Amino acid sequence: MSATTHNKGNTTGNDIGAGSAMAGTPSANPRVLNRPRVVADAITITQRNLITIARVPQLLVFATIQPIIFVLMFRYVFGGAYGIPGVPYVDFLMPGIFAQTVAFGAIGTGIGLSEDLSKGLIDRFRSLPMAPSAVLVGRTTADVVRNIFVQTLMVAVGVLVGFRIHNGIPNFLVAMLLLLGFGFALSWLFGLIGLALKNAETTQAASFPIMAPLVFASAAFVDVRTMPGWLQPWARNQPLSAIITAVRRLILNEQQAQLLGLTESTASLVLKAIAWIVGLTLVFGTLAIRKYRRVV
């Protein structure tokens, strides 16, 4: 998604909700605001960002075009050249596409925050009696809501090109929750980058060197066992692969999982994925909130 699109999105509705929600609140130290106030502030910022998306639907359009292109390209261009007997390539592919979609979508958090900084909106938020975490939680929560829509669309596209759920709807829903959680965790990472760089173009440029090895040197599109030996440890143990592997284990049936070498239990793989989500959120969430407090 281009930074230009985000520029348009953030000029619309910048002041919506934020000022009105806090206008009647007496001045206070944000660090001592009570918990209900913190939650209310975060909800207000979430609403503000969702209104921006609703008023600039191009944000959702551009967020979905790229993954749809990837689905069609890999399904029909590369799908015939790569396959595992007993596992349709589209069923192998779609968990990777789902994870890639939320990963690239997380870059939008950093671009949006850097835009708010450059326009002075963050300074206005900081002058209000708001908890430092509210702006960031509101932004990342809005991105989760956006991801729900995008993931639903991607599932529909996947079904149209032959994707099928082989392990029951409950397991599939757990897989979707893992993906949404991972997108939320990555939003804190790229939010930190946006706060540090304070420029949309620079944030976008700095995010790709981080995203490229996560997405393309992972289990997203090919079996890790086919990669060079020196690359396999990274491709197998990095966070995106952990999420994709857990999602595949939840979606595919037992026989297909065995053919892919997924010998660990579903519970074990899901717990690993959750550990990555919680760890990334705690580390980068803490760093992002600290950066927000110091940013000028």
Protein backbone atom coordinates (compact mmCIF):
# COMPACT_ATOMS: atom_id res chain seq x y z
CA MET A 1 0.00 0.00 0.00
CA SER A 2 1.44 3.38 -0.90
CA ALA A 3 2.15 6.09 1.64
CA THR A 4 0.09 8.47 -0.54
CA THR A 5 -3.04 6.50 0.19
CA HIS A 6 -2.42 6.76 3.89
CA ASN A 7 -1.83 10.47 3.55
CA LYS A 8 -5.34 10.82 2.22
CA GLY A 9 -6.77 8.59 4.90
CA ASN A 10 -5.26 10.46 7.78
CA THR A 11 -6.30 13.89 6.59
CA THR A 12 -9.90 12.78 6.86
CA GLY A 13 -11.43 12.68 10.28
CA ASN A 14 -8.22 13.50 12.14
CA ASP A 15 -10.11 15.40 14.79
CA ILE A 16 -13.15 13.14 14.86
CA GLY A 17 -14.05 11.79 18.24
CA ALA A 18 -10.76 12.56 20.00
CA GLY A 19 -11.48 16.14 20.95
CA SER A 20 -15.17 15.64 21.69
CA ALA A 21 -14.60 12.61 23.90
CA MET A 22 -12.06 14.43 26.05
CA ALA A 23 -13.45 17.95 25.93
CA GLY A 24 -15.39 17.60 29.14
CA THR A 25 -12.71 15.75 31.03
CA PRO A 26 -10.86 17.79 33.66
CA SER A 27 -7.09 18.10 33.34
CA ALA A 28 -5.24 15.22 34.93
CA ASN A 29 -1.94 13.43 34.76
CA PRO A 30 -2.41 10.72 32.09
CA ARG A 31 -0.34 8.30 34.14
CA VAL A 32 -2.85 8.33 36.99
CA LEU A 33 -6.04 8.03 34.98
CA ASN A 34 -8.22 5.19 36.21
CA ARG A 35 -8.62 2.06 34.17
CA PRO A 36 -12.19 2.73 32.92
CA ARG A 37 -10.97 6.09 31.58
CA VAL A 38 -8.07 4.39 29.80
CA VAL A 39 -10.47 1.93 28.15
CA ALA A 40 -12.84 4.73 27.15
CA ASP A 41 -9.99 6.71 25.61
CA ALA A 42 -8.79 3.69 23.64
CA ILE A 43 -12.33 3.05 22.36
CA THR A 44 -12.59 6.69 21.26
CA ILE A 45 -9.35 6.49 19.29
CA THR A 46 -10.45 3.17 17.78
CA GLN A 47 -13.67 4.77 16.59
CA ARG A 48 -11.75 7.70 15.14
CA ASN A 49 -9.56 5.38 13.06
CA LEU A 50 -12.50 3.25 11.92
CA ILE A 51 -14.34 6.38 10.78
CA THR A 52 -11.26 7.33 8.77
CA ILE A 53 -11.30 3.92 7.05
CA ALA A 54 -15.04 4.20 6.37
CA ARG A 55 -14.62 7.63 4.81
CA VAL A 56 -11.62 6.57 2.72
CA PRO A 57 -12.53 3.07 1.45
CA GLN A 58 -9.44 3.12 -0.77
CA LEU A 59 -7.52 2.07 2.35
CA LEU A 60 -9.36 -1.27 2.33
CA VAL A 61 -9.23 -1.61 -1.44
CA PHE A 62 -5.46 -1.30 -1.60
CA ALA A 63 -5.10 -3.54 1.47
CA THR A 64 -6.86 -6.36 -0.39
CA ILE A 65 -5.60 -6.00 -3.97
CA GLN A 66 -2.09 -7.23 -3.20
CA PRO A 67 -3.07 -10.44 -1.37
CA ILE A 68 -5.64 -11.25 -4.04
CA ILE A 69 -2.92 -10.91 -6.68
CA PHE A 70 -0.69 -13.21 -4.63
CA VAL A 71 -3.46 -15.81 -4.37
CA LEU A 72 -4.09 -15.83 -8.11
CA MET A 73 -0.42 -15.74 -9.03
CA PHE A 74 0.70 -18.56 -6.75
CA ARG A 75 -2.43 -20.63 -7.31
CA TYR A 76 -2.34 -20.58 -11.10
CA VAL A 77 1.23 -19.64 -12.04
CA PHE A 78 3.34 -21.53 -9.50
CA GLY A 79 0.79 -24.04 -8.24
CA GLY A 80 1.36 -26.38 -11.16
CA ALA A 81 5.11 -26.47 -10.58
CA TYR A 82 5.00 -27.10 -6.86
CA GLY A 83 2.99 -29.60 -4.91
CA ILE A 84 2.99 -32.27 -2.25
CA PRO A 85 1.15 -35.50 -3.06
CA GLY A 86 -2.00 -35.69 -0.98
CA VAL A 87 -2.05 -31.97 -0.13
CA PRO A 88 -3.64 -29.60 -2.68
CA TYR A 89 -1.32 -26.66 -3.14
CA VAL A 90 -4.13 -24.15 -2.63
CA ASP A 91 -4.77 -25.62 0.85
CA PHE A 92 -1.06 -25.39 1.59
CA LEU A 93 -0.89 -21.86 0.19
CA MET A 94 -3.81 -20.09 1.86
CA PRO A 95 -2.48 -20.17 5.47
CA GLY A 96 0.63 -18.44 4.15
CA ILE A 97 -1.46 -15.87 2.31
CA PHE A 98 -3.54 -15.22 5.42
CA ALA A 99 -0.41 -14.62 7.50
CA GLN A 100 1.22 -12.51 4.81
CA THR A 101 -1.88 -10.33 4.60
CA VAL A 102 -1.95 -9.45 8.31
CA ALA A 103 1.83 -8.98 8.32
CA PHE A 104 1.85 -6.46 5.48
CA GLY A 105 -1.26 -4.82 6.91
CA ALA A 106 0.60 -4.12 10.13
CA ILE A 107 2.88 -1.71 8.26
CA GLY A 108 -0.15 0.58 7.98
CA THR A 109 -0.04 1.13 11.73
CA GLY A 110 3.43 2.62 11.51
CA ILE A 111 2.57 4.74 8.48
CA GLY A 112 -0.58 6.04 10.14
CA LEU A 113 1.21 6.99 13.36
CA SER A 114 4.01 8.72 11.49
CA GLU A 115 1.38 10.68 9.55
CA ASP A 116 -0.34 11.71 12.79
CA LEU A 117 3.02 12.85 14.13
CA SER A 118 3.88 14.91 11.07
CA LYS A 119 0.46 16.62 11.13
CA GLY A 120 0.70 17.49 14.82
CA LEU A 121 -2.23 15.29 15.86
CA ILE A 122 -0.10 13.31 18.33
CA ASP A 123 0.85 16.58 20.05
CA ARG A 124 -2.83 17.35 20.48
CA PHE A 125 -3.51 13.92 21.92
CA ARG A 126 -0.61 14.29 24.35
CA SER A 127 -1.99 17.62 25.57
CA LEU A 128 -5.24 15.93 26.58
CA PRO A 129 -5.73 13.96 29.83
CA MET A 130 -5.28 10.63 28.08
CA ALA A 131 -3.29 7.56 29.01
CA PRO A 132 -0.20 7.25 26.76
CA SER A 133 -1.32 3.78 25.74
CA ALA A 134 -4.77 4.89 24.53
CA VAL A 135 -3.66 6.32 21.18
CA LEU A 136 -1.60 3.24 20.37
CA VAL A 137 -4.16 0.73 21.62
CA GLY A 138 -6.86 2.54 19.64
CA ARG A 139 -4.78 2.44 16.48
CA THR A 140 -3.85 -1.25 16.79
CA THR A 141 -7.40 -2.24 17.73
CA ALA A 142 -8.78 -0.49 14.66
CA ASP A 143 -6.28 -2.44 12.59
CA VAL A 144 -7.61 -5.68 14.10
CA VAL A 145 -11.12 -4.73 12.99
CA ARG A 146 -9.78 -3.97 9.51
CA ASN A 147 -8.01 -7.34 9.46
CA ILE A 148 -11.28 -9.12 10.27
CA PHE A 149 -12.80 -7.68 7.11
CA VAL A 150 -9.71 -8.37 4.98
CA GLN A 151 -9.33 -11.93 6.25
CA THR A 152 -13.00 -12.66 5.59
CA LEU A 153 -12.54 -11.46 2.03
CA MET A 154 -9.39 -13.55 1.61
CA VAL A 155 -11.19 -16.68 2.82
CA ALA A 156 -13.90 -16.02 0.24
CA VAL A 157 -11.29 -15.59 -2.51
CA GLY A 158 -9.55 -18.77 -1.36
CA VAL A 159 -12.79 -20.76 -1.52
CA LEU A 160 -13.40 -19.48 -5.05
CA VAL A 161 -10.01 -20.81 -6.20
CA GLY A 162 -10.44 -24.18 -4.48
CA PHE A 163 -9.43 -23.73 -0.84
CA ARG A 164 -11.21 -26.05 1.58
CA ILE A 165 -11.30 -26.51 5.36
CA HIS A 166 -10.41 -30.10 6.27
CA ASN A 167 -10.43 -30.07 10.07
CA GLY A 168 -13.72 -28.53 11.13
CA ILE A 169 -15.03 -24.99 11.56
CA PRO A 170 -14.04 -24.63 15.28
CA ASN A 171 -10.38 -25.30 14.47
CA PHE A 172 -10.58 -22.92 11.53
CA LEU A 173 -11.92 -20.16 13.79
CA VAL A 174 -9.05 -20.73 16.21
CA ALA A 175 -6.67 -20.36 13.26
CA MET A 176 -8.28 -17.04 12.34
CA LEU A 177 -7.92 -15.80 15.92
CA LEU A 178 -4.21 -16.66 15.85
CA LEU A 179 -3.80 -14.66 12.65
CA LEU A 180 -5.62 -11.65 14.09
CA GLY A 181 -3.49 -11.86 17.23
CA PHE A 182 -0.32 -11.97 15.18
CA GLY A 183 -1.40 -8.94 13.16
CA PHE A 184 -2.06 -7.11 16.44
CA ALA A 185 1.42 -8.01 17.73
CA LEU A 186 3.15 -6.85 14.55
CA SER A 187 1.21 -3.59 14.66
CA TRP A 188 3.11 -2.66 17.81
CA LEU A 189 6.44 -3.34 16.08
CA PHE A 190 5.66 -1.14 13.10
CA GLY A 191 3.97 1.42 15.32
CA LEU A 192 7.28 1.75 17.14
CA ILE A 193 9.05 2.24 13.82
CA GLY A 194 6.56 4.92 12.79
CA LEU A 195 7.00 6.78 16.07
CA ALA A 196 10.76 6.62 15.74
CA LEU A 197 11.00 7.79 12.12
CA LYS A 198 8.08 10.27 12.08
CA ASN A 199 7.75 10.17 8.29
CA ALA A 200 5.38 7.99 6.26
CA GLU A 201 7.71 7.39 3.31
CA THR A 202 10.66 6.59 5.55
CA THR A 203 8.56 4.29 7.71
CA GLN A 204 7.35 2.39 4.65
CA ALA A 205 10.90 2.08 3.30
CA ALA A 206 12.29 0.93 6.65
CA SER A 207 9.55 -1.66 7.13
CA PHE A 208 10.23 -3.68 3.99
CA PRO A 209 13.71 -4.96 5.02
CA ILE A 210 12.07 -6.30 8.17
CA MET A 211 9.05 -7.76 6.38
CA ALA A 212 10.85 -9.39 3.45
CA PRO A 213 12.77 -12.07 5.41
CA LEU A 214 9.73 -12.69 7.60
CA VAL A 215 7.38 -13.37 4.67
CA PHE A 216 9.54 -14.76 1.89
CA ALA A 217 12.02 -16.77 3.99
CA SER A 218 9.25 -18.59 5.79
CA ALA A 219 6.88 -21.52 5.47
CA ALA A 220 4.37 -19.33 3.65
CA PHE A 221 4.73 -20.53 0.06
CA VAL A 222 6.92 -23.65 0.03
CA ASP A 223 7.78 -26.50 2.31
CA VAL A 224 10.73 -25.48 4.49
CA ARG A 225 12.29 -28.91 3.85
CA THR A 226 12.94 -27.89 0.24
CA MET A 227 15.07 -24.89 1.23
CA PRO A 228 18.88 -24.84 1.52
CA GLY A 229 20.13 -26.30 4.78
CA TRP A 230 21.58 -23.00 6.03
CA LEU A 231 18.20 -21.26 5.58
CA GLN A 232 15.98 -23.89 7.17
CA PRO A 233 16.64 -23.04 10.85
CA TRP A 234 15.50 -19.45 10.31
CA ALA A 235 12.60 -20.35 8.03
CA ARG A 236 11.35 -22.99 10.46
CA ASN A 237 11.70 -21.08 13.75
CA GLN A 238 10.86 -17.46 12.96
CA PRO A 239 7.54 -16.04 14.22
CA LEU A 240 5.64 -15.92 10.93
CA SER A 241 6.42 -19.60 10.27
CA ALA A 242 5.24 -20.48 13.76
CA ILE A 243 1.88 -18.87 13.04
CA ILE A 244 1.57 -20.43 9.59
CA THR A 245 2.48 -23.90 10.86
CA ALA A 246 -0.11 -23.70 13.63
CA VAL A 247 -2.75 -22.48 11.17
CA ARG A 248 -1.98 -25.32 8.75
CA ARG A 249 -2.20 -27.86 11.56
CA LEU A 250 -5.61 -26.48 12.50
CA ILE A 251 -6.95 -26.41 8.93
CA LEU A 252 -5.56 -29.61 7.38
CA ASN A 253 -6.57 -33.11 8.39
CA GLU A 254 -4.28 -35.55 10.17
CA GLN A 255 -3.09 -37.34 7.04
CA GLN A 256 -2.23 -34.09 5.26
CA ALA A 257 -0.39 -32.81 8.33
CA GLN A 258 1.73 -35.95 8.41
CA LEU A 259 2.60 -35.56 4.73
CA LEU A 260 3.87 -32.05 5.51
CA GLY A 261 5.96 -33.30 8.40
CA LEU A 262 3.79 -31.62 11.03
CA THR A 263 4.36 -34.27 13.66
CA GLU A 264 3.87 -32.03 16.70
CA SER A 265 0.45 -31.98 18.29
CA THR A 266 -1.99 -29.23 17.43
CA ALA A 267 -1.93 -27.97 21.02
CA SER A 268 1.85 -27.69 21.02
CA LEU A 269 1.95 -25.71 17.78
CA VAL A 270 -0.87 -23.42 18.90
CA LEU A 271 0.89 -22.72 22.21
CA LYS A 272 4.09 -21.81 20.34
CA ALA A 273 2.14 -19.41 18.16
CA ILE A 274 0.48 -17.84 21.20
CA ALA A 275 3.88 -17.48 22.88
CA TRP A 276 5.18 -15.53 19.89
CA ILE A 277 2.09 -13.31 19.85
CA VAL A 278 2.27 -12.53 23.56
CA GLY A 279 6.03 -12.03 23.50
CA LEU A 280 6.01 -9.67 20.52
CA THR A 281 3.11 -7.68 21.96
CA LEU A 282 4.72 -7.28 25.37
CA VAL A 283 8.14 -6.31 24.05
CA PHE A 284 7.16 -3.96 21.25
CA GLY A 285 4.04 -2.69 23.01
CA THR A 286 6.13 -1.60 25.98
CA LEU A 287 8.77 0.01 23.74
CA ALA A 288 6.13 1.78 21.62
CA ILE A 289 4.35 3.25 24.65
CA ARG A 290 7.67 4.47 26.08
CA LYS A 291 8.55 6.01 22.73
CA TYR A 292 5.18 7.71 22.56
CA ARG A 293 5.77 9.31 25.94
CA ARG A 294 9.11 10.75 24.78
CA VAL A 295 8.28 11.65 21.19
CA VAL A 296 8.13 15.34 20.33
